[in-house]
Amino acid sequence: MKKYGIFGGTFNPPHIAHSIVAENVRQQLNLDKIIFIPSGNPPLKNSIPAEHRLAMAKLAFGNNKNFEVSEIEIDRPDKKSFTVNTLQMLQKKYINDQVELFLIVGIDNLIDFPKWKEPEKLFELSEVVVINRPNFSDTDSKIEFSSKVKFLTVPFLEISSSSIRQLVSDNRSIHYLVNPDVEKYIADHKLYI
């Protein structure tokens, strides 16, 4: 059976920590590949148009044979991004391929699971893998659903999409924080200024 990691997010913009974390999870769980899924219109976040985020994700992750970028959420007509719907679509897509899905989320997202659409169903559709984040502990027994997930420790890099957007806005360098092609795309399209 093939094992695919599902790594969703706004990727606004994608940065090197996304790649490092994804590769670390892939190796720890012996996954066949990681599928990055830029969200179409995330209900809980504001971001630049999905087309830009998709283009940057392809530039950031597209040259790694173990990575794939999916347009599944962006191609959705209303572009509403609910993880449960995406997992259902992926289950249908891979129904004949013997694929097990591993949903990769940060512990900060696990804490927010009660706010997600049909959070219980996520565990029926995939194995849920929770990665560490700064200032969050997986020993907090008050976290709902914590008994149903697999916790993984990955390298932590203090790089965030919001800090990169701020650097661009302040006309400061983002060199080495993002793939060079992503850096050029941001400059060419005058994003975040």
N, C-alpha and C. Protein backbone atom coordinates (compact mmCIF):
# COMPACT_ATOMS: atom_id res chain seq x y z
N MET A 1 0.84 -1.19 0.00
CA MET A 1 0.00 0.00 0.00
C MET A 1 0.88 1.25 0.00
N LYS A 2 0.50 2.22 -0.83
CA LYS A 2 1.24 3.48 -0.87
C LYS A 2 0.80 4.37 0.27
N LYS A 3 1.73 5.21 0.73
CA LYS A 3 1.44 6.13 1.83
C LYS A 3 1.76 7.55 1.37
N TYR A 4 0.72 8.40 1.37
CA TYR A 4 0.88 9.78 0.93
C TYR A 4 0.61 10.73 2.09
N GLY A 5 1.56 11.64 2.31
CA GLY A 5 1.36 12.69 3.29
C GLY A 5 0.61 13.85 2.64
N ILE A 6 -0.35 14.41 3.36
CA ILE A 6 -1.14 15.54 2.86
C ILE A 6 -0.76 16.76 3.69
N PHE A 7 -0.16 17.73 3.03
CA PHE A 7 0.34 18.92 3.70
C PHE A 7 -0.38 20.13 3.10
N GLY A 8 -1.45 20.55 3.75
CA GLY A 8 -2.22 21.69 3.26
C GLY A 8 -1.78 22.97 3.94
N GLY A 9 -2.17 24.07 3.34
CA GLY A 9 -1.86 25.36 3.93
C GLY A 9 -2.10 26.48 2.95
N THR A 10 -1.97 27.69 3.45
CA THR A 10 -2.14 28.83 2.55
C THR A 10 -0.90 29.01 1.69
N PHE A 11 0.28 28.66 2.22
CA PHE A 11 1.55 28.84 1.51
C PHE A 11 1.61 30.27 0.96
N ASN A 12 1.58 31.19 1.88
CA ASN A 12 1.44 32.61 1.57
C ASN A 12 2.58 33.45 2.15
N PRO A 13 3.83 33.26 1.69
CA PRO A 13 4.32 32.37 0.63
C PRO A 13 4.87 31.06 1.21
N PRO A 14 5.13 30.07 0.34
CA PRO A 14 5.84 28.86 0.78
C PRO A 14 7.29 29.22 1.09
N HIS A 15 7.86 28.57 2.10
CA HIS A 15 9.25 28.88 2.48
C HIS A 15 10.02 27.60 2.77
N ILE A 16 11.30 27.74 3.06
CA ILE A 16 12.16 26.56 3.20
C ILE A 16 11.78 25.68 4.38
N ALA A 17 11.19 26.26 5.41
CA ALA A 17 10.79 25.44 6.56
C ALA A 17 9.70 24.46 6.15
N HIS A 18 8.82 24.85 5.23
CA HIS A 18 7.80 23.91 4.74
C HIS A 18 8.47 22.68 4.13
N SER A 19 9.49 22.91 3.32
CA SER A 19 10.19 21.79 2.66
C SER A 19 10.92 20.93 3.67
N ILE A 20 11.58 21.55 4.62
CA ILE A 20 12.36 20.81 5.61
C ILE A 20 11.44 19.95 6.48
N VAL A 21 10.34 20.52 6.94
CA VAL A 21 9.38 19.77 7.76
C VAL A 21 8.78 18.62 6.96
N ALA A 22 8.36 18.90 5.73
CA ALA A 22 7.74 17.86 4.90
C ALA A 22 8.70 16.70 4.67
N GLU A 23 9.94 16.99 4.35
CA GLU A 23 10.92 15.93 4.10
C GLU A 23 11.18 15.13 5.37
N ASN A 24 11.22 15.82 6.50
CA ASN A 24 11.45 15.14 7.78
C ASN A 24 10.31 14.18 8.10
N VAL A 25 9.07 14.63 7.91
CA VAL A 25 7.90 13.78 8.14
C VAL A 25 7.91 12.60 7.17
N ARG A 26 8.23 12.88 5.91
CA ARG A 26 8.26 11.82 4.89
C ARG A 26 9.23 10.72 5.30
N GLN A 27 10.40 11.12 5.78
CA GLN A 27 11.40 10.13 6.16
C GLN A 27 10.99 9.38 7.43
N GLN A 28 10.49 10.09 8.42
CA GLN A 28 10.11 9.43 9.68
C GLN A 28 9.01 8.39 9.48
N LEU A 29 8.05 8.69 8.61
CA LEU A 29 6.91 7.79 8.41
C LEU A 29 7.07 6.90 7.18
N ASN A 30 8.21 7.05 6.49
CA ASN A 30 8.47 6.26 5.28
C ASN A 30 7.34 6.43 4.25
N LEU A 31 6.96 7.69 4.03
CA LEU A 31 5.89 7.99 3.07
C LEU A 31 6.43 7.94 1.65
N ASP A 32 5.57 7.58 0.71
CA ASP A 32 5.98 7.55 -0.69
C ASP A 32 6.13 8.95 -1.26
N LYS A 33 5.26 9.86 -0.81
CA LYS A 33 5.39 11.25 -1.24
C LYS A 33 4.57 12.15 -0.33
N ILE A 34 4.88 13.43 -0.44
CA ILE A 34 4.11 14.47 0.25
C ILE A 34 3.37 15.26 -0.82
N ILE A 35 2.06 15.42 -0.61
CA ILE A 35 1.26 16.23 -1.52
C ILE A 35 0.95 17.55 -0.83
N PHE A 36 1.49 18.63 -1.40
CA PHE A 36 1.21 19.97 -0.89
C PHE A 36 -0.08 20.47 -1.53
N ILE A 37 -0.99 20.97 -0.70
CA ILE A 37 -2.28 21.43 -1.21
C ILE A 37 -2.52 22.88 -0.78
N PRO A 38 -2.21 23.83 -1.67
CA PRO A 38 -2.54 25.22 -1.34
C PRO A 38 -4.06 25.38 -1.23
N SER A 39 -4.49 26.04 -0.19
CA SER A 39 -5.93 26.22 0.04
C SER A 39 -6.51 27.20 -0.97
N GLY A 40 -7.74 26.93 -1.34
CA GLY A 40 -8.42 27.82 -2.28
C GLY A 40 -8.83 29.11 -1.60
N ASN A 41 -9.73 29.00 -0.65
CA ASN A 41 -10.23 30.17 0.07
C ASN A 41 -10.42 29.73 1.52
N PRO A 42 -9.33 29.73 2.30
CA PRO A 42 -9.43 29.20 3.66
C PRO A 42 -10.42 29.99 4.51
N PRO A 43 -11.37 29.32 5.17
CA PRO A 43 -12.41 30.00 5.92
C PRO A 43 -11.88 30.84 7.09
N LEU A 44 -10.74 30.45 7.66
CA LEU A 44 -10.26 31.13 8.85
C LEU A 44 -9.10 32.09 8.58
N LYS A 45 -8.75 32.34 7.31
CA LYS A 45 -7.59 33.19 7.01
C LYS A 45 -7.85 34.07 5.80
N ASN A 46 -7.16 35.21 5.77
CA ASN A 46 -7.16 36.07 4.58
C ASN A 46 -5.82 35.90 3.89
N SER A 47 -5.81 35.87 2.58
CA SER A 47 -4.55 35.72 1.87
C SER A 47 -4.66 36.26 0.45
N ILE A 48 -3.54 36.29 -0.25
CA ILE A 48 -3.52 36.75 -1.64
C ILE A 48 -4.24 35.73 -2.51
N PRO A 49 -4.56 36.07 -3.76
CA PRO A 49 -5.29 35.12 -4.62
C PRO A 49 -4.61 33.76 -4.71
N ALA A 50 -5.46 32.74 -4.78
CA ALA A 50 -5.00 31.36 -4.78
C ALA A 50 -4.04 31.07 -5.94
N GLU A 51 -4.26 31.71 -7.08
CA GLU A 51 -3.42 31.45 -8.25
C GLU A 51 -1.95 31.78 -7.98
N HIS A 52 -1.70 32.87 -7.25
CA HIS A 52 -0.32 33.23 -6.90
C HIS A 52 0.29 32.21 -5.94
N ARG A 53 -0.50 31.79 -4.96
CA ARG A 53 0.02 30.84 -3.98
C ARG A 53 0.29 29.48 -4.61
N LEU A 54 -0.56 29.08 -5.56
CA LEU A 54 -0.33 27.84 -6.29
C LEU A 54 0.95 27.92 -7.12
N ALA A 55 1.11 29.02 -7.83
CA ALA A 55 2.31 29.19 -8.66
C ALA A 55 3.57 29.14 -7.81
N MET A 56 3.54 29.80 -6.65
CA MET A 56 4.72 29.79 -5.77
C MET A 56 4.97 28.40 -5.20
N ALA A 57 3.89 27.67 -4.86
CA ALA A 57 4.06 26.31 -4.34
C ALA A 57 4.72 25.41 -5.38
N LYS A 58 4.30 25.56 -6.63
CA LYS A 58 4.92 24.76 -7.70
C LYS A 58 6.40 25.09 -7.85
N LEU A 59 6.74 26.37 -7.71
CA LEU A 59 8.15 26.76 -7.77
C LEU A 59 8.93 26.23 -6.57
N ALA A 60 8.31 26.26 -5.40
CA ALA A 60 8.99 25.85 -4.17
C ALA A 60 9.17 24.34 -4.07
N PHE A 61 8.16 23.57 -4.47
CA PHE A 61 8.16 22.13 -4.21
C PHE A 61 8.23 21.25 -5.46
N GLY A 62 8.05 21.84 -6.62
CA GLY A 62 7.88 21.07 -7.85
C GLY A 62 9.10 20.34 -8.36
N ASN A 63 10.28 20.68 -7.87
CA ASN A 63 11.49 20.04 -8.39
C ASN A 63 11.96 18.86 -7.55
N ASN A 64 11.17 18.46 -6.56
CA ASN A 64 11.53 17.34 -5.69
C ASN A 64 10.67 16.14 -6.08
N LYS A 65 11.31 15.03 -6.43
CA LYS A 65 10.56 13.85 -6.90
C LYS A 65 9.66 13.26 -5.81
N ASN A 66 9.93 13.59 -4.55
CA ASN A 66 9.12 13.09 -3.44
C ASN A 66 7.98 14.02 -3.07
N PHE A 67 7.90 15.15 -3.77
CA PHE A 67 6.87 16.15 -3.49
C PHE A 67 5.96 16.30 -4.71
N GLU A 68 4.71 16.64 -4.45
CA GLU A 68 3.75 16.93 -5.51
C GLU A 68 2.90 18.11 -5.05
N VAL A 69 2.51 18.96 -5.97
CA VAL A 69 1.62 20.07 -5.65
C VAL A 69 0.27 19.79 -6.31
N SER A 70 -0.78 19.83 -5.52
CA SER A 70 -2.12 19.53 -6.01
C SER A 70 -2.96 20.81 -6.11
N GLU A 71 -3.75 20.88 -7.16
CA GLU A 71 -4.66 22.02 -7.38
C GLU A 71 -6.08 21.69 -6.90
N ILE A 72 -6.24 20.61 -6.17
CA ILE A 72 -7.56 20.08 -5.83
C ILE A 72 -8.45 21.11 -5.13
N GLU A 73 -7.88 21.94 -4.24
CA GLU A 73 -8.71 22.93 -3.56
C GLU A 73 -8.91 24.17 -4.41
N ILE A 74 -7.90 24.54 -5.15
CA ILE A 74 -7.99 25.75 -5.97
C ILE A 74 -8.93 25.53 -7.16
N ASP A 75 -9.02 24.30 -7.65
CA ASP A 75 -9.90 23.99 -8.77
C ASP A 75 -11.37 23.88 -8.36
N ARG A 76 -11.61 23.85 -7.06
CA ARG A 76 -12.99 23.76 -6.58
C ARG A 76 -13.73 25.03 -7.00
N PRO A 77 -14.94 24.92 -7.56
CA PRO A 77 -15.64 26.09 -8.08
C PRO A 77 -15.79 27.25 -7.08
N ASP A 78 -16.17 26.94 -5.84
CA ASP A 78 -16.35 28.02 -4.87
C ASP A 78 -15.07 28.33 -4.09
N LYS A 79 -14.04 27.51 -4.33
CA LYS A 79 -12.73 27.66 -3.69
C LYS A 79 -12.80 27.65 -2.16
N LYS A 80 -13.89 27.13 -1.59
CA LYS A 80 -13.94 26.99 -0.14
C LYS A 80 -13.08 25.81 0.26
N SER A 81 -12.23 26.01 1.25
CA SER A 81 -11.27 24.98 1.63
C SER A 81 -11.61 24.37 2.98
N PHE A 82 -12.28 23.24 2.95
CA PHE A 82 -12.51 22.48 4.16
C PHE A 82 -11.74 21.18 4.03
N THR A 83 -10.90 20.90 4.99
CA THR A 83 -10.02 19.73 4.93
C THR A 83 -10.80 18.43 4.75
N VAL A 84 -11.92 18.30 5.44
CA VAL A 84 -12.69 17.07 5.34
C VAL A 84 -13.14 16.82 3.91
N ASN A 85 -13.55 17.87 3.19
CA ASN A 85 -13.96 17.71 1.79
C ASN A 85 -12.78 17.33 0.91
N THR A 86 -11.63 17.93 1.17
CA THR A 86 -10.43 17.61 0.39
C THR A 86 -10.03 16.15 0.59
N LEU A 87 -10.06 15.68 1.82
CA LEU A 87 -9.72 14.28 2.08
C LEU A 87 -10.71 13.33 1.40
N GLN A 88 -11.99 13.69 1.40
CA GLN A 88 -12.99 12.86 0.72
C GLN A 88 -12.70 12.80 -0.78
N MET A 89 -12.33 13.93 -1.37
CA MET A 89 -12.00 13.97 -2.80
C MET A 89 -10.76 13.13 -3.09
N LEU A 90 -9.77 13.20 -2.20
CA LEU A 90 -8.55 12.40 -2.40
C LEU A 90 -8.84 10.91 -2.25
N GLN A 91 -9.70 10.55 -1.30
CA GLN A 91 -10.08 9.14 -1.14
C GLN A 91 -10.70 8.61 -2.44
N LYS A 92 -11.58 9.41 -3.05
CA LYS A 92 -12.20 9.00 -4.32
C LYS A 92 -11.16 8.90 -5.42
N LYS A 93 -10.26 9.87 -5.46
CA LYS A 93 -9.22 9.90 -6.51
C LYS A 93 -8.35 8.64 -6.46
N TYR A 94 -8.01 8.20 -5.26
CA TYR A 94 -7.08 7.08 -5.08
C TYR A 94 -7.78 5.76 -4.75
N ILE A 95 -9.08 5.68 -4.96
CA ILE A 95 -9.85 4.51 -4.52
C ILE A 95 -9.31 3.19 -5.09
N ASN A 96 -8.77 3.23 -6.30
CA ASN A 96 -8.27 1.99 -6.91
C ASN A 96 -6.76 1.82 -6.77
N ASP A 97 -6.11 2.73 -6.07
CA ASP A 97 -4.64 2.73 -6.01
C ASP A 97 -4.05 2.23 -4.69
N GLN A 98 -4.90 1.77 -3.77
CA GLN A 98 -4.37 1.28 -2.48
C GLN A 98 -3.48 2.32 -1.82
N VAL A 99 -4.07 3.48 -1.48
CA VAL A 99 -3.32 4.58 -0.88
C VAL A 99 -3.86 4.86 0.52
N GLU A 100 -2.94 4.99 1.47
CA GLU A 100 -3.28 5.43 2.81
C GLU A 100 -2.86 6.89 2.94
N LEU A 101 -3.77 7.74 3.44
CA LEU A 101 -3.49 9.17 3.56
C LEU A 101 -3.07 9.51 4.99
N PHE A 102 -2.10 10.41 5.07
CA PHE A 102 -1.59 10.91 6.35
C PHE A 102 -1.73 12.43 6.34
N LEU A 103 -2.70 12.95 7.09
CA LEU A 103 -2.91 14.39 7.17
C LEU A 103 -1.89 14.98 8.14
N ILE A 104 -1.08 15.92 7.66
CA ILE A 104 -0.02 16.52 8.47
C ILE A 104 -0.49 17.91 8.92
N VAL A 105 -0.55 18.11 10.23
CA VAL A 105 -0.96 19.40 10.78
C VAL A 105 -0.04 19.77 11.94
N GLY A 106 0.04 21.07 12.23
CA GLY A 106 0.77 21.53 13.40
C GLY A 106 -0.09 21.38 14.64
N ILE A 107 0.55 21.34 15.79
CA ILE A 107 -0.22 21.18 17.03
C ILE A 107 -1.16 22.37 17.24
N ASP A 108 -0.80 23.55 16.72
CA ASP A 108 -1.69 24.70 16.81
C ASP A 108 -3.00 24.43 16.07
N ASN A 109 -2.93 23.70 14.95
CA ASN A 109 -4.14 23.33 14.22
C ASN A 109 -4.96 22.29 14.99
N LEU A 110 -4.28 21.35 15.64
CA LEU A 110 -5.00 20.35 16.43
C LEU A 110 -5.84 21.03 17.51
N ILE A 111 -5.29 22.04 18.12
CA ILE A 111 -6.03 22.78 19.15
C ILE A 111 -7.29 23.40 18.56
N ASP A 112 -7.20 23.81 17.29
CA ASP A 112 -8.35 24.44 16.61
C ASP A 112 -9.30 23.43 15.98
N PHE A 113 -8.99 22.14 16.03
CA PHE A 113 -9.84 21.13 15.39
C PHE A 113 -11.34 21.28 15.72
N PRO A 114 -11.71 21.59 16.97
CA PRO A 114 -13.15 21.72 17.25
C PRO A 114 -13.84 22.78 16.39
N LYS A 115 -13.09 23.73 15.84
CA LYS A 115 -13.66 24.77 14.98
C LYS A 115 -13.74 24.32 13.52
N TRP A 116 -13.08 23.22 13.18
CA TRP A 116 -13.04 22.74 11.79
C TRP A 116 -14.36 22.06 11.45
N LYS A 117 -14.64 21.97 10.16
CA LYS A 117 -15.83 21.27 9.69
C LYS A 117 -15.64 19.76 9.88
N GLU A 118 -16.57 19.13 10.57
CA GLU A 118 -16.59 17.68 10.80
C GLU A 118 -15.23 17.12 11.21
N PRO A 119 -14.65 17.60 12.31
CA PRO A 119 -13.32 17.15 12.68
C PRO A 119 -13.21 15.66 12.96
N GLU A 120 -14.28 15.05 13.49
CA GLU A 120 -14.24 13.62 13.79
C GLU A 120 -14.02 12.78 12.53
N LYS A 121 -14.56 13.27 11.42
CA LYS A 121 -14.49 12.53 10.16
C LYS A 121 -13.06 12.48 9.61
N LEU A 122 -12.22 13.45 10.00
CA LEU A 122 -10.83 13.48 9.53
C LEU A 122 -10.11 12.17 9.89
N PHE A 123 -10.47 11.61 11.05
CA PHE A 123 -9.80 10.40 11.54
C PHE A 123 -10.29 9.14 10.82
N GLU A 124 -11.45 9.23 10.19
CA GLU A 124 -11.95 8.12 9.39
C GLU A 124 -11.29 8.12 8.01
N LEU A 125 -10.92 9.30 7.54
CA LEU A 125 -10.39 9.45 6.18
C LEU A 125 -8.87 9.36 6.10
N SER A 126 -8.20 9.56 7.23
CA SER A 126 -6.74 9.58 7.20
C SER A 126 -6.16 9.32 8.58
N GLU A 127 -4.89 9.02 8.60
CA GLU A 127 -4.11 9.04 9.84
C GLU A 127 -3.76 10.52 10.05
N VAL A 128 -3.95 11.02 11.25
CA VAL A 128 -3.64 12.43 11.52
C VAL A 128 -2.30 12.50 12.24
N VAL A 129 -1.36 13.22 11.61
CA VAL A 129 -0.01 13.37 12.13
C VAL A 129 0.16 14.81 12.59
N VAL A 130 0.54 14.97 13.85
CA VAL A 130 0.67 16.31 14.42
C VAL A 130 2.15 16.60 14.69
N ILE A 131 2.60 17.72 14.15
CA ILE A 131 4.00 18.11 14.33
C ILE A 131 4.10 19.23 15.36
N ASN A 132 5.25 19.27 16.02
CA ASN A 132 5.50 20.26 17.05
C ASN A 132 5.56 21.68 16.46
N ARG A 133 5.20 22.63 17.28
CA ARG A 133 5.29 24.05 16.94
C ARG A 133 5.82 24.78 18.17
N PRO A 134 6.44 25.94 17.98
CA PRO A 134 6.96 26.66 19.15
C PRO A 134 5.83 27.08 20.08
N ASN A 135 6.11 27.07 21.35
CA ASN A 135 5.17 27.52 22.39
C ASN A 135 3.94 26.64 22.55
N PHE A 136 3.98 25.42 22.00
CA PHE A 136 2.87 24.48 22.17
C PHE A 136 3.45 23.16 22.68
N SER A 137 2.69 22.50 23.54
CA SER A 137 3.15 21.23 24.10
C SER A 137 2.14 20.13 23.78
N ASP A 138 2.65 18.96 23.38
CA ASP A 138 1.74 17.85 23.11
C ASP A 138 1.36 17.10 24.39
N THR A 139 1.83 17.59 25.53
CA THR A 139 1.47 16.95 26.80
C THR A 139 0.25 17.59 27.44
N ASP A 140 -0.31 18.60 26.78
CA ASP A 140 -1.49 19.25 27.31
C ASP A 140 -2.70 18.32 27.16
N SER A 141 -3.13 17.75 28.26
CA SER A 141 -4.20 16.76 28.22
C SER A 141 -5.55 17.37 27.87
N LYS A 142 -5.63 18.70 27.85
CA LYS A 142 -6.90 19.36 27.55
C LYS A 142 -7.15 19.44 26.04
N ILE A 143 -6.17 19.07 25.23
CA ILE A 143 -6.35 19.16 23.78
C ILE A 143 -7.29 18.04 23.32
N GLU A 144 -8.42 18.47 22.77
CA GLU A 144 -9.38 17.49 22.26
C GLU A 144 -8.75 16.74 21.09
N PHE A 145 -9.06 15.48 20.94
CA PHE A 145 -8.59 14.61 19.85
C PHE A 145 -7.12 14.17 20.02
N SER A 146 -6.42 14.62 21.05
CA SER A 146 -4.99 14.30 21.15
C SER A 146 -4.72 12.80 21.25
N SER A 147 -5.68 12.03 21.75
CA SER A 147 -5.48 10.59 21.87
C SER A 147 -5.59 9.87 20.53
N LYS A 148 -6.10 10.57 19.50
CA LYS A 148 -6.33 9.94 18.20
C LYS A 148 -5.22 10.22 17.19
N VAL A 149 -4.23 11.01 17.57
CA VAL A 149 -3.23 11.44 16.59
C VAL A 149 -1.87 10.83 16.86
N LYS A 150 -1.00 10.91 15.85
CA LYS A 150 0.39 10.50 16.01
C LYS A 150 1.22 11.77 16.08
N PHE A 151 1.95 11.96 17.18
CA PHE A 151 2.79 13.14 17.34
C PHE A 151 4.18 12.87 16.79
N LEU A 152 4.70 13.81 16.02
CA LEU A 152 6.06 13.73 15.51
C LEU A 152 6.83 14.99 15.88
N THR A 153 8.10 14.80 16.19
CA THR A 153 8.97 15.94 16.44
C THR A 153 9.80 16.19 15.19
N VAL A 154 9.73 17.42 14.71
CA VAL A 154 10.47 17.81 13.51
C VAL A 154 11.37 18.99 13.86
N PRO A 155 12.39 19.26 13.04
CA PRO A 155 13.25 20.42 13.31
C PRO A 155 12.41 21.70 13.30
N PHE A 156 12.72 22.57 14.21
CA PHE A 156 11.99 23.83 14.25
C PHE A 156 12.87 24.96 13.74
N LEU A 157 12.36 25.64 12.74
CA LEU A 157 13.04 26.82 12.20
C LEU A 157 12.13 28.02 12.41
N GLU A 158 12.67 29.08 12.95
CA GLU A 158 11.84 30.26 13.21
C GLU A 158 11.64 31.06 11.93
N ILE A 159 10.91 30.45 11.01
CA ILE A 159 10.58 31.08 9.73
C ILE A 159 9.07 30.95 9.58
N SER A 160 8.43 32.05 9.26
CA SER A 160 6.98 32.00 9.05
C SER A 160 6.63 32.82 7.82
N SER A 161 5.52 32.46 7.21
CA SER A 161 5.06 33.21 6.05
C SER A 161 4.76 34.65 6.43
N SER A 162 4.20 34.86 7.62
CA SER A 162 3.88 36.23 8.03
C SER A 162 5.14 37.08 8.20
N SER A 163 6.21 36.50 8.74
CA SER A 163 7.45 37.27 8.88
C SER A 163 8.07 37.57 7.51
N ILE A 164 7.92 36.65 6.56
CA ILE A 164 8.44 36.89 5.21
C ILE A 164 7.63 38.01 4.54
N ARG A 165 6.32 37.99 4.69
CA ARG A 165 5.50 39.07 4.14
C ARG A 165 5.91 40.41 4.72
N GLN A 166 6.20 40.42 6.02
CA GLN A 166 6.60 41.68 6.67
C GLN A 166 7.94 42.16 6.14
N LEU A 167 8.89 41.23 5.95
CA LEU A 167 10.19 41.61 5.39
C LEU A 167 10.03 42.23 4.01
N VAL A 168 9.21 41.63 3.17
CA VAL A 168 8.97 42.17 1.83
C VAL A 168 8.35 43.56 1.94
N SER A 169 7.37 43.69 2.80
CA SER A 169 6.70 44.98 3.00
C SER A 169 7.68 46.05 3.47
N ASP A 170 8.67 45.65 4.27
CA ASP A 170 9.68 46.58 4.79
C ASP A 170 10.85 46.75 3.82
N ASN A 171 10.73 46.15 2.62
CA ASN A 171 11.78 46.23 1.60
C ASN A 171 13.11 45.64 2.10
N ARG A 172 13.00 44.52 2.82
CA ARG A 172 14.18 43.82 3.33
C ARG A 172 14.31 42.48 2.62
N SER A 173 15.49 41.88 2.69
CA SER A 173 15.79 40.65 1.95
C SER A 173 15.07 39.43 2.54
N ILE A 174 14.61 38.57 1.63
CA ILE A 174 14.07 37.27 2.03
C ILE A 174 14.94 36.15 1.43
N HIS A 175 16.11 36.54 0.98
CA HIS A 175 17.05 35.58 0.39
C HIS A 175 17.33 34.47 1.41
N TYR A 176 17.36 33.23 0.96
CA TYR A 176 17.60 32.02 1.76
C TYR A 176 16.39 31.59 2.59
N LEU A 177 15.38 32.43 2.72
CA LEU A 177 14.17 32.04 3.47
C LEU A 177 13.18 31.33 2.56
N VAL A 178 13.25 31.66 1.27
CA VAL A 178 12.38 31.05 0.27
C VAL A 178 13.23 30.56 -0.89
N ASN A 179 12.68 29.68 -1.68
CA ASN A 179 13.33 29.22 -2.90
C ASN A 179 13.63 30.45 -3.78
N PRO A 180 14.78 30.50 -4.46
CA PRO A 180 15.10 31.66 -5.30
C PRO A 180 14.03 31.97 -6.34
N ASP A 181 13.39 30.93 -6.89
CA ASP A 181 12.33 31.17 -7.87
C ASP A 181 11.10 31.81 -7.23
N VAL A 182 10.83 31.45 -5.98
CA VAL A 182 9.73 32.08 -5.25
C VAL A 182 10.06 33.53 -4.96
N GLU A 183 11.30 33.78 -4.57
CA GLU A 183 11.74 35.15 -4.32
C GLU A 183 11.55 36.02 -5.57
N LYS A 184 11.93 35.48 -6.71
CA LYS A 184 11.78 36.22 -7.98
C LYS A 184 10.30 36.43 -8.31
N TYR A 185 9.49 35.41 -8.08
CA TYR A 185 8.05 35.51 -8.36
C TYR A 185 7.43 36.63 -7.52
N ILE A 186 7.78 36.68 -6.25
CA ILE A 186 7.25 37.72 -5.35
C ILE A 186 7.63 39.10 -5.87
N ALA A 187 8.88 39.25 -6.26
CA ALA A 187 9.36 40.54 -6.78
C ALA A 187 8.69 40.89 -8.10
N ASP A 188 8.63 39.93 -9.02
CA ASP A 188 8.04 40.18 -10.34
C ASP A 188 6.56 40.57 -10.27
N HIS A 189 5.85 39.97 -9.32
CA HIS A 189 4.41 40.22 -9.21
C HIS A 189 4.07 41.26 -8.13
N LYS A 190 5.13 41.84 -7.55
CA LYS A 190 4.96 42.90 -6.56
C LYS A 190 4.00 42.48 -5.43
N LEU A 191 4.22 41.28 -4.95
CA LEU A 191 3.38 40.77 -3.86
C LEU A 191 3.86 41.29 -2.51
N TYR A 192 2.94 41.48 -1.61
CA TYR A 192 3.19 41.84 -0.20
C TYR A 192 3.76 43.23 -0.01
N ILE A 193 3.75 44.07 -1.04
CA ILE A 193 4.29 45.44 -0.82
C ILE A 193 3.16 46.43 -0.58
